[in-house]
Amino acid sequence: MSPALLDFVEFSLAGLCVGALYALTGIGFVVVYKATRIINFAIGEFMMIGAYFFFGLAAQASLPNWAAIILALIAAGTVGGFLERFIFRRLIGESAISVFMVTIGLASIMVGLVEIAWTADPRSLPTFLPDRPFFVPLGSAEAFLASKNGWSFIIVAAIMAAFITVFRFWRGGIALRATAADQQAAYSVGINVPGVFSFAWILGAITAAAAGILVGSISGISSAMGAIGLSLIVVVIVGGLDSLAGALVGGLMIGWLESMASLYIGGEYKQVATFVILLLVLVVKPYGLFGTHDIERL
């Protein structure tokens, strides 16, 4: 196998692993949007606080990694539920742009609180994933895949399977889908719509925090890691703001595209490439690849 083809395969595998993390966070974004019609621009900061909660519990409080992960996810979910109950529920009926600006302000506040608690210095998370790399056989050669990337992909796949099960069979998932389809109809059949709103925010925060922990295990953490939210916004708009399948496909697509841009034109241009794709998709399908046509644009 030629070195150029081997590079293509290895960068593709790495890009799909990163894309899986985009997809996981994108699902957290879509869950909130489907239930509440709130565009949560602070989704990248929820990733950040999940990673820092894990860092504080595992590295500073010296808890076992498994306990630190569970408690970090619970803490992130608590933050999501608190924000919905005491901030966003009070904004029901306000204009979409007003609520959107609140999420931008919230993102800045979360960054400031993290820098107060942990400073702005980059940090490394404790190792909790196996360190043995993956080798994918390709004829006479083998494609290398870093251990953390490969295990992150496997974990994301397991979480996705759990999501499909929840939304398909569990009563809470059915209630969320019903509320997303028609809030008034959901009220009429006895669904606790405000409770569904809280559930959506808690689930979205936990999902983003899990992605943040995985991202932090690969590339470290800092108060600036929420900037990944720019790529996530591209993911959910390309896939469709209200589509879980769109978040999955969009995440994998954008992750792979960024990796290809890094390989062929340089890493400094990868976001340029993703925004070019965003423009092309919006020209051809303004509601995204899987979005429904009744979405209100800002």
C-alpha atoms as a PDB file:
ATOM      1  CA  MET A   1       0.000   0.000   0.000  1.00  0.00           C
ATOM      2  CA  SER A   2       1.325   3.431  -0.932  1.00  0.00           C
ATOM      3  CA  PRO A   3       2.210   5.859   1.902  1.00  0.00           C
ATOM      4  CA  ALA A   4      -0.305   8.398   0.547  1.00  0.00           C
ATOM      5  CA  LEU A   5      -3.172   5.883   0.737  1.00  0.00           C
ATOM      6  CA  LEU A   6      -2.109   4.766   4.211  1.00  0.00           C
ATOM      7  CA  ASP A   7      -2.102   8.398   5.372  1.00  0.00           C
ATOM      8  CA  PHE A   8      -5.591   8.828   3.919  1.00  0.00           C
ATOM      9  CA  VAL A   9      -6.915   5.816   5.828  1.00  0.00           C
ATOM     10  CA  GLU A  10      -5.256   6.797   9.114  1.00  0.00           C
ATOM     11  CA  PHE A  11      -6.468  10.394   8.920  1.00  0.00           C
ATOM     12  CA  SER A  12      -9.941   9.145   7.978  1.00  0.00           C
ATOM     13  CA  LEU A  13     -10.084   6.879  11.024  1.00  0.00           C
ATOM     14  CA  ALA A  14      -8.899   9.677  13.312  1.00  0.00           C
ATOM     15  CA  GLY A  15     -11.403  12.094  11.756  1.00  0.00           C
ATOM     16  CA  LEU A  16     -14.302   9.688  12.254  1.00  0.00           C
ATOM     17  CA  CYS A  17     -13.322   9.264  15.916  1.00  0.00           C
ATOM     18  CA  VAL A  18     -13.329  13.043  16.410  1.00  0.00           C
ATOM     19  CA  GLY A  19     -16.581  13.201  14.453  1.00  0.00           C
ATOM     20  CA  ALA A  20     -18.145  10.701  16.855  1.00  0.00           C
ATOM     21  CA  LEU A  21     -17.389  13.097  19.726  1.00  0.00           C
ATOM     22  CA  TYR A  22     -18.945  15.935  17.717  1.00  0.00           C
ATOM     23  CA  ALA A  23     -21.984  13.742  17.150  1.00  0.00           C
ATOM     24  CA  LEU A  24     -22.325  12.931  20.852  1.00  0.00           C
ATOM     25  CA  THR A  25     -22.249  16.602  21.806  1.00  0.00           C
ATOM     26  CA  GLY A  26     -24.506  17.454  18.884  1.00  0.00           C
ATOM     27  CA  ILE A  27     -27.092  15.039  20.260  1.00  0.00           C
ATOM     28  CA  GLY A  28     -27.030  16.982  23.532  1.00  0.00           C
ATOM     29  CA  PHE A  29     -27.704  20.144  21.537  1.00  0.00           C
ATOM     30  CA  VAL A  30     -30.512  18.569  19.503  1.00  0.00           C
ATOM     31  CA  VAL A  31     -32.263  17.083  22.559  1.00  0.00           C
ATOM     32  CA  VAL A  32     -32.547  20.545  24.114  1.00  0.00           C
ATOM     33  CA  TYR A  33     -33.637  22.151  20.858  1.00  0.00           C
ATOM     34  CA  LYS A  34     -36.250  19.496  20.053  1.00  0.00           C
ATOM     35  CA  ALA A  35     -37.902  19.842  23.447  1.00  0.00           C
ATOM     36  CA  THR A  36     -37.595  23.577  24.115  1.00  0.00           C
ATOM     37  CA  ARG A  37     -36.701  25.247  20.782  1.00  0.00           C
ATOM     38  CA  ILE A  38     -33.725  26.871  22.522  1.00  0.00           C
ATOM     39  CA  ILE A  39     -30.482  27.181  20.537  1.00  0.00           C
ATOM     40  CA  ASN A  40     -27.899  26.483  23.237  1.00  0.00           C
ATOM     41  CA  PHE A  41     -24.730  28.255  22.138  1.00  0.00           C
ATOM     42  CA  ALA A  42     -23.119  27.278  25.474  1.00  0.00           C
ATOM     43  CA  ILE A  43     -22.983  23.584  24.518  1.00  0.00           C
ATOM     44  CA  GLY A  44     -19.179  23.722  24.202  1.00  0.00           C
ATOM     45  CA  GLU A  45     -18.956  25.153  27.725  1.00  0.00           C
ATOM     46  CA  PHE A  46     -21.009  22.234  29.053  1.00  0.00           C
ATOM     47  CA  MET A  47     -18.300  20.011  27.585  1.00  0.00           C
ATOM     48  CA  MET A  48     -15.724  22.117  29.394  1.00  0.00           C
ATOM     49  CA  ILE A  49     -17.363  21.973  32.826  1.00  0.00           C
ATOM     50  CA  GLY A  50     -17.826  18.213  32.539  1.00  0.00           C
ATOM     51  CA  ALA A  51     -14.113  17.795  31.889  1.00  0.00           C
ATOM     52  CA  TYR A  52     -13.177  20.147  34.747  1.00  0.00           C
ATOM     53  CA  PHE A  53     -15.563  18.449  37.171  1.00  0.00           C
ATOM     54  CA  PHE A  54     -13.833  15.169  36.362  1.00  0.00           C
ATOM     55  CA  PHE A  55     -10.412  16.795  36.761  1.00  0.00           C
ATOM     56  CA  GLY A  56     -11.321  18.254  40.151  1.00  0.00           C
ATOM     57  CA  LEU A  57     -12.748  14.999  41.463  1.00  0.00           C
ATOM     58  CA  ALA A  58     -10.102  12.630  40.058  1.00  0.00           C
ATOM     59  CA  ALA A  59      -6.886  14.691  40.109  1.00  0.00           C
ATOM     60  CA  GLN A  60      -7.549  17.021  43.036  1.00  0.00           C
ATOM     61  CA  ALA A  61      -9.928  15.071  45.271  1.00  0.00           C
ATOM     62  CA  SER A  62      -8.171  11.764  44.418  1.00  0.00           C
ATOM     63  CA  LEU A  63     -11.372   9.835  43.805  1.00  0.00           C
ATOM     64  CA  PRO A  64     -11.226   6.682  41.665  1.00  0.00           C
ATOM     65  CA  ASN A  65     -11.645   7.493  37.987  1.00  0.00           C
ATOM     66  CA  TRP A  66     -14.924   5.606  37.639  1.00  0.00           C
ATOM     67  CA  ALA A  67     -16.431   7.423  40.647  1.00  0.00           C
ATOM     68  CA  ALA A  68     -15.133  10.779  39.403  1.00  0.00           C
ATOM     69  CA  ILE A  69     -16.720  10.229  35.979  1.00  0.00           C
ATOM     70  CA  ILE A  70     -20.108   9.333  37.476  1.00  0.00           C
ATOM     71  CA  LEU A  71     -20.085  12.276  39.876  1.00  0.00           C
ATOM     72  CA  ALA A  72     -18.905  14.667  37.141  1.00  0.00           C
ATOM     73  CA  LEU A  73     -21.814  13.622  34.915  1.00  0.00           C
ATOM     74  CA  ILE A  74     -24.257  14.019  37.811  1.00  0.00           C
ATOM     75  CA  ALA A  75     -22.829  17.475  38.587  1.00  0.00           C
ATOM     76  CA  ALA A  76     -23.123  18.552  34.941  1.00  0.00           C
ATOM     77  CA  GLY A  77     -26.701  17.286  34.789  1.00  0.00           C
ATOM     78  CA  THR A  78     -27.484  19.210  37.971  1.00  0.00           C
ATOM     79  CA  VAL A  79     -26.129  22.391  36.405  1.00  0.00           C
ATOM     80  CA  GLY A  80     -28.258  21.807  33.314  1.00  0.00           C
ATOM     81  CA  GLY A  81     -31.389  21.224  35.384  1.00  0.00           C
ATOM     82  CA  PHE A  82     -30.709  24.283  37.546  1.00  0.00           C
ATOM     83  CA  LEU A  83     -30.243  26.551  34.547  1.00  0.00           C
ATOM     84  CA  GLU A  84     -33.461  25.324  32.941  1.00  0.00           C
ATOM     85  CA  ARG A  85     -35.498  25.719  36.120  1.00  0.00           C
ATOM     86  CA  PHE A  86     -34.278  29.120  37.232  1.00  0.00           C
ATOM     87  CA  ILE A  87     -33.236  30.844  33.989  1.00  0.00           C
ATOM     88  CA  PHE A  88     -34.664  29.382  30.802  1.00  0.00           C
ATOM     89  CA  ARG A  89     -38.102  28.512  32.161  1.00  0.00           C
ATOM     90  CA  ARG A  90     -38.509  32.188  33.032  1.00  0.00           C
ATOM     91  CA  LEU A  91     -37.718  33.075  29.406  1.00  0.00           C
ATOM     92  CA  ILE A  92     -40.632  31.088  27.931  1.00  0.00           C
ATOM     93  CA  GLY A  93     -42.447  33.360  25.506  1.00  0.00           C
ATOM     94  CA  GLU A  94     -39.441  35.612  24.896  1.00  0.00           C
ATOM     95  CA  SER A  95     -38.041  36.032  21.395  1.00  0.00           C
ATOM     96  CA  ALA A  96     -35.657  33.386  20.087  1.00  0.00           C
ATOM     97  CA  ILE A  97     -32.841  35.916  19.665  1.00  0.00           C
ATOM     98  CA  SER A  98     -33.179  37.042  23.297  1.00  0.00           C
ATOM     99  CA  VAL A  99     -32.860  33.479  24.580  1.00  0.00           C
ATOM    100  CA  PHE A 100     -29.974  32.831  22.188  1.00  0.00           C
ATOM    101  CA  MET A 101     -28.114  35.861  23.570  1.00  0.00           C
ATOM    102  CA  VAL A 102     -28.687  34.552  27.103  1.00  0.00           C
ATOM    103  CA  THR A 103     -26.913  31.307  26.173  1.00  0.00           C
ATOM    104  CA  ILE A 104     -23.977  33.321  24.807  1.00  0.00           C
ATOM    105  CA  GLY A 105     -23.757  35.243  28.072  1.00  0.00           C
ATOM    106  CA  LEU A 106     -24.048  31.991  29.982  1.00  0.00           C
ATOM    107  CA  ALA A 107     -21.087  30.586  28.031  1.00  0.00           C
ATOM    108  CA  SER A 108     -18.922  33.551  29.096  1.00  0.00           C
ATOM    109  CA  ILE A 109     -19.987  33.169  32.728  1.00  0.00           C
ATOM    110  CA  MET A 110     -19.110  29.472  32.727  1.00  0.00           C
ATOM    111  CA  VAL A 111     -15.668  30.200  31.288  1.00  0.00           C
ATOM    112  CA  GLY A 112     -15.088  32.857  33.946  1.00  0.00           C
ATOM    113  CA  LEU A 113     -16.125  30.529  36.777  1.00  0.00           C
ATOM    114  CA  VAL A 114     -13.805  27.790  35.507  1.00  0.00           C
ATOM    115  CA  GLU A 115     -10.887  30.226  35.313  1.00  0.00           C
ATOM    116  CA  ILE A 116     -11.606  31.425  38.856  1.00  0.00           C
ATOM    117  CA  ALA A 117     -11.700  27.863  40.163  1.00  0.00           C
ATOM    118  CA  TRP A 118      -8.897  26.293  38.098  1.00  0.00           C
ATOM    119  CA  THR A 119      -7.144  29.215  36.301  1.00  0.00           C
ATOM    120  CA  ALA A 120      -6.793  29.394  32.518  1.00  0.00           C
ATOM    121  CA  ASP A 121      -3.741  27.117  32.360  1.00  0.00           C
ATOM    122  CA  PRO A 122      -4.048  23.972  30.211  1.00  0.00           C
ATOM    123  CA  ARG A 123      -4.174  20.740  32.184  1.00  0.00           C
ATOM    124  CA  SER A 124      -4.080  17.019  31.516  1.00  0.00           C
ATOM    125  CA  LEU A 125      -6.762  14.638  32.695  1.00  0.00           C
ATOM    126  CA  PRO A 126      -5.892  11.466  34.597  1.00  0.00           C
ATOM    127  CA  THR A 127      -5.576   8.490  32.271  1.00  0.00           C
ATOM    128  CA  PHE A 128      -8.609   6.226  32.392  1.00  0.00           C
ATOM    129  CA  LEU A 129      -8.600   4.647  28.925  1.00  0.00           C
ATOM    130  CA  PRO A 130      -6.380   1.716  27.830  1.00  0.00           C
ATOM    131  CA  ASP A 131      -3.148   2.847  26.178  1.00  0.00           C
ATOM    132  CA  ARG A 132      -2.744   0.052  23.644  1.00  0.00           C
ATOM    133  CA  PRO A 133      -3.175   1.423  20.076  1.00  0.00           C
ATOM    134  CA  PHE A 134      -5.393  -0.130  17.430  1.00  0.00           C
ATOM    135  CA  PHE A 135      -3.965  -1.485  14.167  1.00  0.00           C
ATOM    136  CA  VAL A 136      -6.364  -1.951  11.257  1.00  0.00           C
ATOM    137  CA  PRO A 137      -5.103  -4.502   8.688  1.00  0.00           C
ATOM    138  CA  LEU A 138      -5.008  -3.167   5.125  1.00  0.00           C
ATOM    139  CA  GLY A 139      -3.500  -5.816   2.877  1.00  0.00           C
ATOM    140  CA  SER A 140       0.225  -5.797   3.425  1.00  0.00           C
ATOM    141  CA  ALA A 141       0.103  -2.776   5.768  1.00  0.00           C
ATOM    142  CA  GLU A 142      -1.634  -1.738   8.973  1.00  0.00           C
ATOM    143  CA  ALA A 143      -3.321   1.582   9.693  1.00  0.00           C
ATOM    144  CA  PHE A 144      -2.526   3.048  13.098  1.00  0.00           C
ATOM    145  CA  LEU A 145      -5.259   4.434  15.348  1.00  0.00           C
ATOM    146  CA  ALA A 146      -4.388   5.997  18.691  1.00  0.00           C
ATOM    147  CA  SER A 147      -5.800   4.130  21.674  1.00  0.00           C
ATOM    148  CA  LYS A 148      -7.734   7.067  23.112  1.00  0.00           C
ATOM    149  CA  ASN A 149      -9.343   7.832  19.755  1.00  0.00           C
ATOM    150  CA  GLY A 150     -10.383   4.231  19.227  1.00  0.00           C
ATOM    151  CA  TRP A 151     -11.782   3.769  22.730  1.00  0.00           C
ATOM    152  CA  SER A 152     -13.606   7.090  22.534  1.00  0.00           C
ATOM    153  CA  PHE A 153     -15.316   5.895  19.358  1.00  0.00           C
ATOM    154  CA  ILE A 154     -16.352   2.639  21.053  1.00  0.00           C
ATOM    155  CA  ILE A 155     -17.726   4.498  24.094  1.00  0.00           C
ATOM    156  CA  VAL A 156     -19.647   6.930  21.899  1.00  0.00           C
ATOM    157  CA  ALA A 157     -21.124   4.017  19.931  1.00  0.00           C
ATOM    158  CA  ALA A 158     -22.316   2.442  23.198  1.00  0.00           C
ATOM    159  CA  ILE A 159     -23.883   5.731  24.333  1.00  0.00           C
ATOM    160  CA  MET A 160     -25.598   6.101  20.952  1.00  0.00           C
ATOM    161  CA  ALA A 161     -27.073   2.614  21.320  1.00  0.00           C
ATOM    162  CA  ALA A 162     -28.364   3.590  24.769  1.00  0.00           C
ATOM    163  CA  PHE A 163     -29.916   6.758  23.307  1.00  0.00           C
ATOM    164  CA  ILE A 164     -31.724   4.803  20.620  1.00  0.00           C
ATOM    165  CA  THR A 165     -33.109   2.444  23.275  1.00  0.00           C
ATOM    166  CA  VAL A 166     -34.204   5.326  25.530  1.00  0.00           C
ATOM    167  CA  PHE A 167     -35.965   7.283  22.811  1.00  0.00           C
ATOM    168  CA  ARG A 168     -37.553   4.179  21.348  1.00  0.00           C
ATOM    169  CA  PHE A 169     -38.858   2.351  24.394  1.00  0.00           C
ATOM    170  CA  TRP A 170     -38.508   4.284  27.676  1.00  0.00           C
ATOM    171  CA  ARG A 171     -41.488   6.346  28.794  1.00  0.00           C
ATOM    172  CA  GLY A 172     -39.361   9.455  29.366  1.00  0.00           C
ATOM    173  CA  GLY A 173     -37.996   9.256  25.841  1.00  0.00           C
ATOM    174  CA  ILE A 174     -41.476   8.873  24.422  1.00  0.00           C
ATOM    175  CA  ALA A 175     -42.639  11.899  26.437  1.00  0.00           C
ATOM    176  CA  LEU A 176     -39.730  13.935  25.097  1.00  0.00           C
ATOM    177  CA  ARG A 177     -40.563  12.978  21.510  1.00  0.00           C
ATOM    178  CA  ALA A 178     -44.218  13.822  22.073  1.00  0.00           C
ATOM    179  CA  THR A 179     -43.349  17.217  23.548  1.00  0.00           C
ATOM    180  CA  ALA A 180     -40.989  17.935  20.667  1.00  0.00           C
ATOM    181  CA  ALA A 181     -43.729  17.121  18.171  1.00  0.00           C
ATOM    182  CA  ASP A 182     -46.507  19.224  19.755  1.00  0.00           C
ATOM    183  CA  GLN A 183     -46.354  20.812  23.209  1.00  0.00           C
ATOM    184  CA  GLN A 184     -50.082  21.536  23.393  1.00  0.00           C
ATOM    185  CA  ALA A 185     -50.970  17.977  22.441  1.00  0.00           C
ATOM    186  CA  ALA A 186     -48.483  16.715  25.042  1.00  0.00           C
ATOM    187  CA  TYR A 187     -50.201  18.831  27.707  1.00  0.00           C
ATOM    188  CA  SER A 188     -53.595  17.483  26.640  1.00  0.00           C
ATOM    189  CA  VAL A 189     -52.596  13.846  27.231  1.00  0.00           C
ATOM    190  CA  GLY A 190     -51.161  14.545  30.678  1.00  0.00           C
ATOM    191  CA  ILE A 191     -47.449  14.855  29.923  1.00  0.00           C
ATOM    192  CA  ASN A 192     -45.560  17.074  32.368  1.00  0.00           C
ATOM    193  CA  VAL A 193     -44.091  19.411  29.751  1.00  0.00           C
ATOM    194  CA  PRO A 194     -41.996  21.534  32.187  1.00  0.00           C
ATOM    195  CA  GLY A 195     -40.611  18.274  33.566  1.00  0.00           C
ATOM    196  CA  VAL A 196     -39.709  17.225  30.021  1.00  0.00           C
ATOM    197  CA  PHE A 197     -37.908  20.548  29.566  1.00  0.00           C
ATOM    198  CA  SER A 198     -35.825  19.859  32.689  1.00  0.00           C
ATOM    199  CA  PHE A 199     -35.157  16.298  31.553  1.00  0.00           C
ATOM    200  CA  ALA A 200     -33.958  17.560  28.165  1.00  0.00           C
ATOM    201  CA  TRP A 201     -31.531  20.035  29.732  1.00  0.00           C
ATOM    202  CA  ILE A 202     -30.226  17.458  32.198  1.00  0.00           C
ATOM    203  CA  LEU A 203     -29.748  14.876  29.450  1.00  0.00           C
ATOM    204  CA  GLY A 204     -28.145  17.413  27.109  1.00  0.00           C
ATOM    205  CA  ALA A 205     -25.718  18.563  29.821  1.00  0.00           C
ATOM    206  CA  ILE A 206     -24.758  14.990  30.736  1.00  0.00           C
ATOM    207  CA  THR A 207     -24.183  14.093  27.095  1.00  0.00           C
ATOM    208  CA  ALA A 208     -22.003  17.149  26.493  1.00  0.00           C
ATOM    209  CA  ALA A 209     -20.064  16.501  29.718  1.00  0.00           C
ATOM    210  CA  ALA A 210     -19.359  12.914  28.665  1.00  0.00           C
ATOM    211  CA  ALA A 211     -18.016  14.178  25.343  1.00  0.00           C
ATOM    212  CA  GLY A 212     -15.936  16.782  27.192  1.00  0.00           C
ATOM    213  CA  ILE A 213     -14.317  14.134  29.371  1.00  0.00           C
ATOM    214  CA  LEU A 214     -13.435  12.062  26.305  1.00  0.00           C
ATOM    215  CA  VAL A 215     -12.113  15.102  24.407  1.00  0.00           C
ATOM    216  CA  GLY A 216     -10.083  16.141  27.461  1.00  0.00           C
ATOM    217  CA  SER A 217      -8.574  12.670  27.752  1.00  0.00           C
ATOM    218  CA  ILE A 218      -7.292  13.009  24.174  1.00  0.00           C
ATOM    219  CA  SER A 219      -6.108  16.616  23.950  1.00  0.00           C
ATOM    220  CA  GLY A 220      -6.148  17.957  27.514  1.00  0.00           C
ATOM    221  CA  ILE A 221      -8.404  20.634  28.954  1.00  0.00           C
ATOM    222  CA  SER A 222      -8.385  24.410  29.196  1.00  0.00           C
ATOM    223  CA  SER A 223     -10.892  27.187  29.679  1.00  0.00           C
ATOM    224  CA  ALA A 224     -10.818  27.716  25.898  1.00  0.00           C
ATOM    225  CA  MET A 225     -11.973  24.219  24.985  1.00  0.00           C
ATOM    226  CA  GLY A 226     -15.549  25.489  24.680  1.00  0.00           C
ATOM    227  CA  ALA A 227     -14.494  27.029  21.367  1.00  0.00           C
ATOM    228  CA  ILE A 228     -15.231  23.612  19.889  1.00  0.00           C
ATOM    229  CA  GLY A 229     -18.812  24.866  20.001  1.00  0.00           C
ATOM    230  CA  LEU A 230     -18.189  26.592  16.651  1.00  0.00           C
ATOM    231  CA  SER A 231     -17.665  23.229  14.984  1.00  0.00           C
ATOM    232  CA  LEU A 232     -20.656  21.822  16.863  1.00  0.00           C
ATOM    233  CA  ILE A 233     -22.925  24.578  15.551  1.00  0.00           C
ATOM    234  CA  VAL A 234     -21.812  23.613  12.035  1.00  0.00           C
ATOM    235  CA  VAL A 235     -22.554  19.950  12.832  1.00  0.00           C
ATOM    236  CA  VAL A 236     -26.118  20.532  14.001  1.00  0.00           C
ATOM    237  CA  ILE A 237     -26.983  23.008  11.249  1.00  0.00           C
ATOM    238  CA  VAL A 238     -25.619  20.704   8.539  1.00  0.00           C
ATOM    239  CA  GLY A 239     -27.429  17.711  10.021  1.00  0.00           C
ATOM    240  CA  GLY A 240     -30.619  19.587  10.938  1.00  0.00           C
ATOM    241  CA  LEU A 241     -31.282  21.380  14.206  1.00  0.00           C
ATOM    242  CA  ASP A 242     -34.033  18.989  15.283  1.00  0.00           C
ATOM    243  CA  SER A 243     -32.633  15.686  14.000  1.00  0.00           C
ATOM    244  CA  LEU A 244     -30.763  13.155  16.139  1.00  0.00           C
ATOM    245  CA  ALA A 245     -29.810  11.241  12.984  1.00  0.00           C
ATOM    246  CA  GLY A 246     -28.593  14.528  11.525  1.00  0.00           C
ATOM    247  CA  ALA A 247     -26.345  15.118  14.550  1.00  0.00           C
ATOM    248  CA  LEU A 248     -24.821  11.677  14.070  1.00  0.00           C
ATOM    249  CA  VAL A 249     -24.267  12.012  10.324  1.00  0.00           C
ATOM    250  CA  GLY A 250     -23.220  15.659  10.560  1.00  0.00           C
ATOM    251  CA  GLY A 251     -20.736  14.936  13.345  1.00  0.00           C
ATOM    252  CA  LEU A 252     -19.037  12.121  11.445  1.00  0.00           C
ATOM    253  CA  MET A 253     -19.023  14.171   8.247  1.00  0.00           C
ATOM    254  CA  ILE A 254     -17.511  17.285   9.815  1.00  0.00           C
ATOM    255  CA  GLY A 255     -14.947  15.302  11.814  1.00  0.00           C
ATOM    256  CA  TRP A 256     -13.802  13.471   8.679  1.00  0.00           C
ATOM    257  CA  LEU A 257     -13.737  16.689   6.635  1.00  0.00           C
ATOM    258  CA  GLU A 258     -11.612  18.489   9.223  1.00  0.00           C
ATOM    259  CA  SER A 259      -9.169  15.597   9.216  1.00  0.00           C
ATOM    260  CA  MET A 260      -8.940  15.633   5.423  1.00  0.00           C
ATOM    261  CA  ALA A 261      -8.415  19.404   5.434  1.00  0.00           C
ATOM    262  CA  SER A 262      -5.592  18.969   7.958  1.00  0.00           C
ATOM    263  CA  LEU A 263      -3.974  16.314   5.762  1.00  0.00           C
ATOM    264  CA  TYR A 264      -4.182  18.056   2.394  1.00  0.00           C
ATOM    265  CA  ILE A 265      -4.316  21.812   3.003  1.00  0.00           C
ATOM    266  CA  GLY A 266      -3.108  22.270   6.597  1.00  0.00           C
ATOM    267  CA  GLY A 267      -4.737  22.236  10.018  1.00  0.00           C
ATOM    268  CA  GLU A 268      -5.114  26.026  10.095  1.00  0.00           C
ATOM    269  CA  TYR A 269      -7.647  25.781   7.270  1.00  0.00           C
ATOM    270  CA  LYS A 270      -9.857  23.010   8.615  1.00  0.00           C
ATOM    271  CA  GLN A 271     -12.537  25.337   9.976  1.00  0.00           C
ATOM    272  CA  VAL A 272     -12.562  27.227   6.684  1.00  0.00           C
ATOM    273  CA  ALA A 273     -13.363  23.933   4.949  1.00  0.00           C
ATOM    274  CA  THR A 274     -16.190  23.125   7.382  1.00  0.00           C
ATOM    275  CA  PHE A 275     -17.821  26.523   6.933  1.00  0.00           C
ATOM    276  CA  VAL A 276     -17.605  26.152   3.147  1.00  0.00           C
ATOM    277  CA  ILE A 277     -19.530  22.879   3.508  1.00  0.00           C
ATOM    278  CA  LEU A 278     -22.004  24.652   5.783  1.00  0.00           C
ATOM    279  CA  LEU A 279     -22.683  27.289   3.143  1.00  0.00           C
ATOM    280  CA  LEU A 280     -23.097  24.687   0.404  1.00  0.00           C
ATOM    281  CA  VAL A 281     -25.531  22.626   2.488  1.00  0.00           C
ATOM    282  CA  LEU A 282     -27.593  25.698   3.406  1.00  0.00           C
ATOM    283  CA  VAL A 283     -27.834  26.699  -0.252  1.00  0.00           C
ATOM    284  CA  VAL A 284     -29.051  23.241  -1.302  1.00  0.00           C
ATOM    285  CA  LYS A 285     -31.015  22.255   1.836  1.00  0.00           C
ATOM    286  CA  PRO A 286     -31.665  25.304   4.065  1.00  0.00           C
ATOM    287  CA  TYR A 287     -33.028  23.131   6.886  1.00  0.00           C
ATOM    288  CA  GLY A 288     -30.043  20.783   6.954  1.00  0.00           C
ATOM    289  CA  LEU A 289     -29.707  17.252   5.646  1.00  0.00           C
ATOM    290  CA  PHE A 290     -32.355  15.779   7.973  1.00  0.00           C
ATOM    291  CA  GLY A 291     -34.070  18.838   9.451  1.00  0.00           C
ATOM    292  CA  THR A 292     -37.800  19.448   9.190  1.00  0.00           C
ATOM    293  CA  HIS A 293     -39.101  22.423   7.243  1.00  0.00           C
ATOM    294  CA  ASP A 294     -40.876  24.148  10.119  1.00  0.00           C
ATOM    295  CA  ILE A 295     -37.664  25.182  11.915  1.00  0.00           C
ATOM    296  CA  GLU A 296     -37.495  28.893  12.656  1.00  0.00           C
ATOM    297  CA  ARG A 297     -34.177  30.474  11.687  1.00  0.00           C
ATOM    298  CA  LEU A 298     -32.598  33.290  13.632  1.00  0.00           C
END
